[in-house]
């Protein structure tokens, strides 16, 4: 799997994210995962909750 940081300018607002491409993907489908509110990082972790739930979901999609 390859991951790279990406930034998209939408009307002057910069949206940052991580693009993950799986080498064995079956098609060119795209999934966008939005972490939600609060201090949640890109992997789905918070200060008192470290389980990488969003990373696990995103890397399991083929």
Protein backbone atom coordinates (compact mmCIF):
# COMPACT_ATOMS: atom_id res chain seq x y z
CA UNK A 1 0.00 0.00 0.00
CA UNK A 2 1.18 3.48 -0.80
CA UNK A 3 0.06 6.56 1.10
CA UNK A 4 0.75 10.19 0.32
CA UNK A 5 -0.39 13.50 1.75
CA UNK A 6 -2.65 15.52 -0.53
CA UNK A 7 -4.09 19.03 -0.40
CA UNK A 8 -7.04 20.32 -2.43
CA UNK A 9 -7.97 24.00 -2.73
CA UNK A 10 -11.76 24.36 -2.69
CA UNK A 11 -12.81 27.98 -3.07
CA UNK A 12 -9.81 29.28 -1.14
CA UNK A 13 -10.15 26.68 1.63
CA UNK A 14 -7.36 24.12 1.82
CA UNK A 15 -8.49 20.55 2.55
CA UNK A 16 -5.70 18.20 3.64
CA UNK A 17 -5.85 14.43 3.66
CA UNK A 18 -4.08 11.18 2.96
CA UNK A 19 -4.47 9.28 -0.31
CA UNK A 20 -3.95 5.53 0.10
CA UNK A 21 -3.65 3.34 -2.97
CA UNK A 22 -3.76 -0.43 -2.52
CA UNK A 23 -1.68 -2.37 -5.05
CA UNK A 24 -4.31 -5.12 -5.31
CA UNK A 25 -7.38 -2.90 -5.71
CA UNK A 26 -10.05 -4.44 -7.95
CA UNK A 27 -11.31 -1.17 -9.43
CA UNK A 28 -10.84 2.59 -9.36
CA UNK A 29 -13.52 3.29 -6.73
CA UNK A 30 -12.84 6.05 -4.20
CA UNK A 31 -13.90 6.22 -0.56
CA UNK A 32 -13.73 9.41 1.47
CA UNK A 33 -13.69 9.00 5.23
CA UNK A 34 -14.43 12.07 7.36
CA UNK A 35 -13.25 11.63 10.94
CA UNK A 36 -15.97 13.70 12.61
CA UNK A 37 -15.84 16.29 15.33
CA UNK A 38 -13.31 16.81 18.07
CA UNK A 39 -9.57 16.28 18.15
CA UNK A 40 -9.52 13.17 15.94
CA UNK A 41 -6.47 12.49 13.79
CA UNK A 42 -6.47 10.92 10.32
CA UNK A 43 -6.19 7.42 11.79
CA UNK A 44 -9.27 7.93 13.98
CA UNK A 45 -7.37 8.37 17.25
CA UNK A 46 -7.98 10.81 20.08
CA UNK A 47 -5.89 11.58 23.16
CA UNK A 48 -7.55 8.88 25.28
CA UNK A 49 -8.50 6.46 22.47
CA UNK A 50 -5.73 4.95 20.34
CA UNK A 51 -7.13 2.16 18.15
CA UNK A 52 -6.40 3.35 14.57
CA UNK A 53 -9.99 2.53 13.60
CA UNK A 54 -10.13 4.76 10.51
CA UNK A 55 -6.75 3.55 9.28
CA UNK A 56 -7.91 -0.07 9.64
CA UNK A 57 -11.12 0.64 7.74
CA UNK A 58 -9.37 2.51 4.93
CA UNK A 59 -6.66 -0.12 4.44
CA UNK A 60 -9.19 -2.97 4.35
CA UNK A 61 -11.20 -1.50 1.46
CA UNK A 62 -10.30 -3.11 -1.87
